[in-house]
Amino acid sequence: MGFRRLDGPNEGEDAGFREVVAGAGLKPVGWPGKAAALLPPCDLRVSIAPHEDGDLREACFEAMSATGRELRTARVADIGA
């Protein structure tokens, strides 16, 4: 879910975002700073940036909690890195 177009946390509240993030499962969030009051603490921060090649992207997985470390470890095992 993306919060880029929110003008404030009340818009996210009115749209029902709090209920969406309260459920189980992975919730990718874009522009989380615009709705910080609605979001639980981050477990895994994923950053995607252009690679110096230009056609590729680099992804960085930063664990922010024990759950995030588990998720990161599981993902690395999945891709064989």
Protein backbone atom coordinates (compact mmCIF):
# COMPACT_ATOMS: atom_id res chain seq x y z
CA MET A 1 0.00 0.00 0.00
CA GLY A 2 1.23 3.47 -0.73
CA PHE A 3 0.72 6.64 1.26
CA ARG A 4 2.27 9.09 -1.19
CA ARG A 5 -0.97 10.93 -1.91
CA LEU A 6 -2.11 11.31 1.69
CA ASP A 7 -2.35 14.85 2.96
CA GLY A 8 -2.38 13.69 6.57
CA PRO A 9 -2.95 10.70 8.86
CA ASN A 10 -6.70 11.35 9.02
CA GLU A 11 -7.02 10.45 5.34
CA GLY A 12 -5.39 7.08 5.99
CA GLU A 13 -7.62 6.50 8.99
CA ASP A 14 -10.73 7.33 6.95
CA ALA A 15 -9.59 4.94 4.19
CA GLY A 16 -9.32 2.05 6.65
CA PHE A 17 -5.55 1.56 6.48
CA ARG A 18 -5.30 0.80 10.21
CA GLU A 19 -7.50 -2.28 9.74
CA VAL A 20 -5.47 -3.43 6.75
CA VAL A 21 -2.12 -3.28 8.55
CA ALA A 22 -3.54 -4.90 11.70
CA GLY A 23 -4.11 -8.23 9.93
CA ALA A 24 -1.56 -11.00 9.64
CA GLY A 25 0.93 -11.13 6.78
CA LEU A 26 3.50 -9.06 4.97
CA LYS A 27 2.45 -5.49 4.20
CA PRO A 28 4.73 -3.63 1.78
CA VAL A 29 4.34 0.10 2.41
CA GLY A 30 5.44 3.01 0.27
CA TRP A 31 5.97 6.45 1.81
CA PRO A 32 5.45 5.18 5.38
CA GLY A 33 6.45 8.53 6.89
CA LYS A 34 3.20 10.05 5.67
CA ALA A 35 1.17 7.63 7.80
CA ALA A 36 3.52 6.78 10.68
CA ALA A 37 0.74 7.16 13.26
CA LEU A 38 -1.26 4.39 11.56
CA LEU A 39 1.54 1.85 11.20
CA PRO A 40 2.97 -0.68 13.64
CA PRO A 41 6.76 -0.74 14.09
CA CYS A 42 8.62 -1.87 10.97
CA ASP A 43 10.04 -5.41 11.02
CA LEU A 44 11.87 -5.40 7.70
CA ARG A 45 12.88 -2.33 5.70
CA VAL A 46 13.37 -2.95 1.99
CA SER A 47 15.15 -0.29 -0.05
CA ILE A 48 15.36 -0.46 -3.84
CA ALA A 49 17.81 1.72 -5.72
CA PRO A 50 19.14 1.92 -9.28
CA HIS A 51 22.27 -0.11 -9.90
CA GLU A 52 25.26 1.64 -11.45
CA ASP A 53 24.55 -0.43 -14.61
CA GLY A 54 21.34 1.55 -15.11
CA ASP A 55 19.17 -1.37 -16.21
CA LEU A 56 19.29 -3.17 -12.86
CA ARG A 57 18.07 -2.44 -9.34
CA GLU A 58 19.66 -3.29 -6.01
CA ALA A 59 17.52 -4.34 -3.06
CA CYS A 60 18.67 -3.97 0.53
CA PHE A 61 16.85 -5.89 3.28
CA GLU A 62 17.37 -4.33 6.73
CA ALA A 63 16.00 -6.22 9.75
CA MET A 64 14.42 -3.88 12.29
CA SER A 65 13.30 -6.57 14.76
CA ALA A 66 13.62 -10.27 15.56
CA THR A 67 10.74 -10.94 13.16
CA GLY A 68 12.58 -8.93 10.50
CA ARG A 69 15.72 -11.01 11.01
CA GLU A 70 13.67 -14.19 10.52
CA LEU A 71 12.08 -12.79 7.36
CA ARG A 72 15.43 -11.66 5.96
CA THR A 73 17.05 -15.02 6.67
CA ALA A 74 14.16 -16.90 5.05
CA ARG A 75 14.32 -14.68 1.96
CA VAL A 76 18.07 -15.08 1.54
CA ALA A 77 17.63 -18.87 1.77
CA ASP A 78 14.90 -18.67 -0.91
CA ILE A 79 17.12 -16.89 -3.43
CA GLY A 80 20.20 -18.94 -2.68
CA ALA A 81 22.40 -15.98 -1.82
